[in-house]
Amino acid sequence: MKHVLMGLVAACFPAALWAQDITATEAVVPLAPPGVMTHAAYLTLHNTGQGSRTLIGVQADGYAMAHLHSSEEKNGVATMSVLHGLEIGAGQTVTLEQGGTHIMLMHPAAPLTEGEEVALTLQFANGETVEVTAPVKRLGYGS
């Protein structure tokens, strides 16, 4: 009977079984100069589950938009592009960091100060969401 009940729960609420498989650590929003209309958020994602997960979106409190971005340098020119999905394999850890994959935060409602926090909601392809709090810190290299 217990297995039947778990099967029904899995069929009706598949994301509920995976909610604990993705964790985020080391979240931070680097303090940016006043007046800057784009900020970045960095963090590390850990998938402790049996299957891969695909991060497909981000919402950020206090910002008009948030997107996954990828930065790279080609022939001495830095470029940035929007990512429509970031796969995190089973047992994999992915770091979103300066100069690579990161979260781009656009059009803040108000200037940020050191010590504030930005609430992020990570959205996954399976319907799962993960809430993350990213403190605003002076890191020495800005957003």
C-alpha atoms as a PDB file:
ATOM      1  CA  MET A   1       0.000   0.000   0.000  1.00  0.00           C
ATOM      2  CA  LYS A   2       2.840   2.367   0.851  1.00  0.00           C
ATOM      3  CA  HIS A   3       4.391   1.896  -2.622  1.00  0.00           C
ATOM      4  CA  VAL A   4       1.064   2.562  -4.321  1.00  0.00           C
ATOM      5  CA  LEU A   5       0.624   5.786  -2.348  1.00  0.00           C
ATOM      6  CA  MET A   6       4.169   6.944  -3.214  1.00  0.00           C
ATOM      7  CA  GLY A   7       3.469   6.173  -6.875  1.00  0.00           C
ATOM      8  CA  LEU A   8       0.354   8.330  -6.800  1.00  0.00           C
ATOM      9  CA  VAL A   9       2.271  11.183  -5.167  1.00  0.00           C
ATOM     10  CA  ALA A  10       5.031  10.874  -7.788  1.00  0.00           C
ATOM     11  CA  ALA A  11       2.488  10.928 -10.627  1.00  0.00           C
ATOM     12  CA  CYS A  12       0.646  13.962  -9.281  1.00  0.00           C
ATOM     13  CA  PHE A  13       3.587  15.945  -7.917  1.00  0.00           C
ATOM     14  CA  PRO A  14       6.801  14.870  -9.672  1.00  0.00           C
ATOM     15  CA  ALA A  15       8.728  18.019  -8.726  1.00  0.00           C
ATOM     16  CA  ALA A  16       7.984  17.441  -5.053  1.00  0.00           C
ATOM     17  CA  LEU A  17      10.188  14.343  -5.083  1.00  0.00           C
ATOM     18  CA  TRP A  18      13.097  16.323  -6.515  1.00  0.00           C
ATOM     19  CA  ALA A  19      12.783  19.488  -4.446  1.00  0.00           C
ATOM     20  CA  GLN A  20      15.688  18.534  -2.212  1.00  0.00           C
ATOM     21  CA  ASP A  21      17.974  17.363  -5.044  1.00  0.00           C
ATOM     22  CA  ILE A  22      19.153  20.843  -6.029  1.00  0.00           C
ATOM     23  CA  THR A  23      20.904  23.079  -3.521  1.00  0.00           C
ATOM     24  CA  ALA A  24      22.542  26.452  -4.002  1.00  0.00           C
ATOM     25  CA  THR A  25      25.529  27.689  -2.025  1.00  0.00           C
ATOM     26  CA  GLU A  26      27.911  30.647  -2.090  1.00  0.00           C
ATOM     27  CA  ALA A  27      25.292  32.983  -3.595  1.00  0.00           C
ATOM     28  CA  VAL A  28      26.396  36.599  -3.918  1.00  0.00           C
ATOM     29  CA  VAL A  29      25.534  39.792  -5.791  1.00  0.00           C
ATOM     30  CA  PRO A  30      28.677  41.916  -6.118  1.00  0.00           C
ATOM     31  CA  LEU A  31      28.195  45.534  -5.087  1.00  0.00           C
ATOM     32  CA  ALA A  32      28.077  47.687  -8.227  1.00  0.00           C
ATOM     33  CA  PRO A  33      28.765  51.414  -8.638  1.00  0.00           C
ATOM     34  CA  PRO A  34      25.756  53.728  -8.171  1.00  0.00           C
ATOM     35  CA  GLY A  35      23.607  54.178 -11.269  1.00  0.00           C
ATOM     36  CA  VAL A  36      24.563  50.874 -12.894  1.00  0.00           C
ATOM     37  CA  MET A  37      21.427  49.283 -14.386  1.00  0.00           C
ATOM     38  CA  THR A  38      22.761  45.729 -14.613  1.00  0.00           C
ATOM     39  CA  HIS A  39      24.122  43.582 -11.813  1.00  0.00           C
ATOM     40  CA  ALA A  40      25.256  39.978 -11.666  1.00  0.00           C
ATOM     41  CA  ALA A  41      24.559  37.110  -9.304  1.00  0.00           C
ATOM     42  CA  TYR A  42      26.906  34.198  -8.769  1.00  0.00           C
ATOM     43  CA  LEU A  43      26.335  30.898  -6.966  1.00  0.00           C
ATOM     44  CA  THR A  44      27.138  27.216  -6.965  1.00  0.00           C
ATOM     45  CA  LEU A  45      24.456  24.622  -7.751  1.00  0.00           C
ATOM     46  CA  HIS A  46      24.671  21.039  -6.513  1.00  0.00           C
ATOM     47  CA  ASN A  47      22.521  18.221  -7.932  1.00  0.00           C
ATOM     48  CA  THR A  48      22.446  15.326  -5.474  1.00  0.00           C
ATOM     49  CA  GLY A  49      19.647  13.565  -7.344  1.00  0.00           C
ATOM     50  CA  GLN A  50      19.567  10.568  -9.646  1.00  0.00           C
ATOM     51  CA  GLY A  51      18.669  12.553 -12.776  1.00  0.00           C
ATOM     52  CA  SER A  52      19.789  15.709 -14.491  1.00  0.00           C
ATOM     53  CA  ARG A  53      17.997  19.021 -13.945  1.00  0.00           C
ATOM     54  CA  THR A  54      17.835  21.944 -16.351  1.00  0.00           C
ATOM     55  CA  LEU A  55      17.765  25.494 -15.009  1.00  0.00           C
ATOM     56  CA  ILE A  56      15.577  27.456 -17.444  1.00  0.00           C
ATOM     57  CA  GLY A  57      14.907  30.754 -15.719  1.00  0.00           C
ATOM     58  CA  VAL A  58      15.447  33.104 -12.812  1.00  0.00           C
ATOM     59  CA  GLN A  59      13.299  35.701 -11.108  1.00  0.00           C
ATOM     60  CA  ALA A  60      14.876  38.318  -8.867  1.00  0.00           C
ATOM     61  CA  ASP A  61      13.005  40.487  -6.385  1.00  0.00           C
ATOM     62  CA  GLY A  62      13.619  44.160  -7.078  1.00  0.00           C
ATOM     63  CA  TYR A  63      14.648  43.706 -10.723  1.00  0.00           C
ATOM     64  CA  ALA A  64      12.641  44.096 -13.940  1.00  0.00           C
ATOM     65  CA  MET A  65      14.385  41.076 -15.514  1.00  0.00           C
ATOM     66  CA  ALA A  66      16.824  38.302 -14.756  1.00  0.00           C
ATOM     67  CA  HIS A  67      18.460  35.955 -17.260  1.00  0.00           C
ATOM     68  CA  LEU A  68      21.068  33.246 -17.407  1.00  0.00           C
ATOM     69  CA  HIS A  69      24.084  34.500 -19.344  1.00  0.00           C
ATOM     70  CA  SER A  70      27.342  33.083 -20.567  1.00  0.00           C
ATOM     71  CA  SER A  71      30.480  35.183 -20.992  1.00  0.00           C
ATOM     72  CA  GLU A  72      33.514  34.252 -23.005  1.00  0.00           C
ATOM     73  CA  GLU A  73      36.473  35.887 -24.663  1.00  0.00           C
ATOM     74  CA  LYS A  74      37.200  35.322 -28.351  1.00  0.00           C
ATOM     75  CA  ASN A  75      40.230  36.907 -30.016  1.00  0.00           C
ATOM     76  CA  GLY A  76      40.553  39.421 -27.198  1.00  0.00           C
ATOM     77  CA  VAL A  77      36.885  40.470 -27.365  1.00  0.00           C
ATOM     78  CA  ALA A  78      34.555  39.718 -24.460  1.00  0.00           C
ATOM     79  CA  THR A  79      31.079  38.565 -25.486  1.00  0.00           C
ATOM     80  CA  MET A  80      27.965  37.685 -23.542  1.00  0.00           C
ATOM     81  CA  SER A  81      24.956  35.662 -24.642  1.00  0.00           C
ATOM     82  CA  VAL A  82      21.668  34.553 -23.112  1.00  0.00           C
ATOM     83  CA  LEU A  83      21.409  30.894 -22.100  1.00  0.00           C
ATOM     84  CA  HIS A  84      17.997  29.276 -22.463  1.00  0.00           C
ATOM     85  CA  GLY A  85      18.906  26.341 -20.270  1.00  0.00           C
ATOM     86  CA  LEU A  86      21.714  25.105 -18.058  1.00  0.00           C
ATOM     87  CA  GLU A  87      21.846  21.367 -17.496  1.00  0.00           C
ATOM     88  CA  ILE A  88      23.128  20.096 -14.164  1.00  0.00           C
ATOM     89  CA  GLY A  89      23.806  16.383 -14.386  1.00  0.00           C
ATOM     90  CA  ALA A  90      23.118  13.877 -11.621  1.00  0.00           C
ATOM     91  CA  GLY A  91      25.781  14.292  -8.950  1.00  0.00           C
ATOM     92  CA  GLN A  92      27.194  17.352 -10.716  1.00  0.00           C
ATOM     93  CA  THR A  93      28.159  20.736  -9.276  1.00  0.00           C
ATOM     94  CA  VAL A  94      27.991  23.819 -11.520  1.00  0.00           C
ATOM     95  CA  THR A  95      29.452  27.176 -10.525  1.00  0.00           C
ATOM     96  CA  LEU A  96      28.022  30.414 -11.896  1.00  0.00           C
ATOM     97  CA  GLU A  97      30.905  32.888 -11.717  1.00  0.00           C
ATOM     98  CA  GLN A  98      32.455  36.059 -13.086  1.00  0.00           C
ATOM     99  CA  GLY A  99      33.720  35.615 -16.625  1.00  0.00           C
ATOM    100  CA  GLY A 100      31.587  32.524 -17.240  1.00  0.00           C
ATOM    101  CA  THR A 101      28.013  31.452 -16.743  1.00  0.00           C
ATOM    102  CA  HIS A 102      26.156  33.813 -14.395  1.00  0.00           C
ATOM    103  CA  ILE A 103      22.790  35.393 -13.642  1.00  0.00           C
ATOM    104  CA  MET A 104      22.304  38.834 -15.170  1.00  0.00           C
ATOM    105  CA  LEU A 105      20.044  41.124 -13.131  1.00  0.00           C
ATOM    106  CA  MET A 106      18.621  44.045 -15.097  1.00  0.00           C
ATOM    107  CA  HIS A 107      16.979  47.332 -14.167  1.00  0.00           C
ATOM    108  CA  PRO A 108      17.023  47.392 -10.357  1.00  0.00           C
ATOM    109  CA  ALA A 109      14.086  49.136  -8.719  1.00  0.00           C
ATOM    110  CA  ALA A 110      16.468  50.835  -6.267  1.00  0.00           C
ATOM    111  CA  PRO A 111      20.215  51.095  -5.706  1.00  0.00           C
ATOM    112  CA  LEU A 112      21.751  48.283  -3.669  1.00  0.00           C
ATOM    113  CA  THR A 113      23.958  48.733  -0.646  1.00  0.00           C
ATOM    114  CA  GLU A 114      26.409  46.328   0.900  1.00  0.00           C
ATOM    115  CA  GLY A 115      24.692  43.970   3.336  1.00  0.00           C
ATOM    116  CA  GLU A 116      21.339  43.940   1.554  1.00  0.00           C
ATOM    117  CA  GLU A 117      20.013  40.672   0.157  1.00  0.00           C
ATOM    118  CA  VAL A 118      18.516  39.764  -3.215  1.00  0.00           C
ATOM    119  CA  ALA A 119      15.896  37.010  -3.289  1.00  0.00           C
ATOM    120  CA  LEU A 120      16.299  34.772  -6.337  1.00  0.00           C
ATOM    121  CA  THR A 121      13.888  32.107  -7.557  1.00  0.00           C
ATOM    122  CA  LEU A 122      15.563  29.511  -9.769  1.00  0.00           C
ATOM    123  CA  GLN A 123      13.143  27.833 -12.185  1.00  0.00           C
ATOM    124  CA  PHE A 124      13.777  24.316 -13.513  1.00  0.00           C
ATOM    125  CA  ALA A 125      12.335  22.557 -16.561  1.00  0.00           C
ATOM    126  CA  ASN A 126      10.536  19.977 -14.385  1.00  0.00           C
ATOM    127  CA  GLY A 127       8.500  22.732 -12.688  1.00  0.00           C
ATOM    128  CA  GLU A 128      10.662  22.821  -9.584  1.00  0.00           C
ATOM    129  CA  THR A 129      11.759  26.125  -8.074  1.00  0.00           C
ATOM    130  CA  VAL A 130      14.561  26.777  -5.626  1.00  0.00           C
ATOM    131  CA  GLU A 131      14.620  29.911  -3.475  1.00  0.00           C
ATOM    132  CA  VAL A 132      18.037  31.491  -2.915  1.00  0.00           C
ATOM    133  CA  THR A 133      19.093  34.520  -0.885  1.00  0.00           C
ATOM    134  CA  ALA A 134      22.150  36.293  -2.265  1.00  0.00           C
ATOM    135  CA  PRO A 135      23.838  38.875  -0.031  1.00  0.00           C
ATOM    136  CA  VAL A 136      25.224  42.023  -1.652  1.00  0.00           C
ATOM    137  CA  LYS A 137      28.980  42.157  -1.016  1.00  0.00           C
ATOM    138  CA  ARG A 138      31.941  44.255  -2.083  1.00  0.00           C
ATOM    139  CA  LEU A 139      34.126  41.759  -3.972  1.00  0.00           C
ATOM    140  CA  GLY A 140      36.754  43.998  -5.498  1.00  0.00           C
ATOM    141  CA  TYR A 141      35.779  43.438  -9.126  1.00  0.00           C
ATOM    142  CA  GLY A 142      32.182  44.740  -9.230  1.00  0.00           C
ATOM    143  CA  SER A 143      29.302  43.094 -11.060  1.00  0.00           C
END
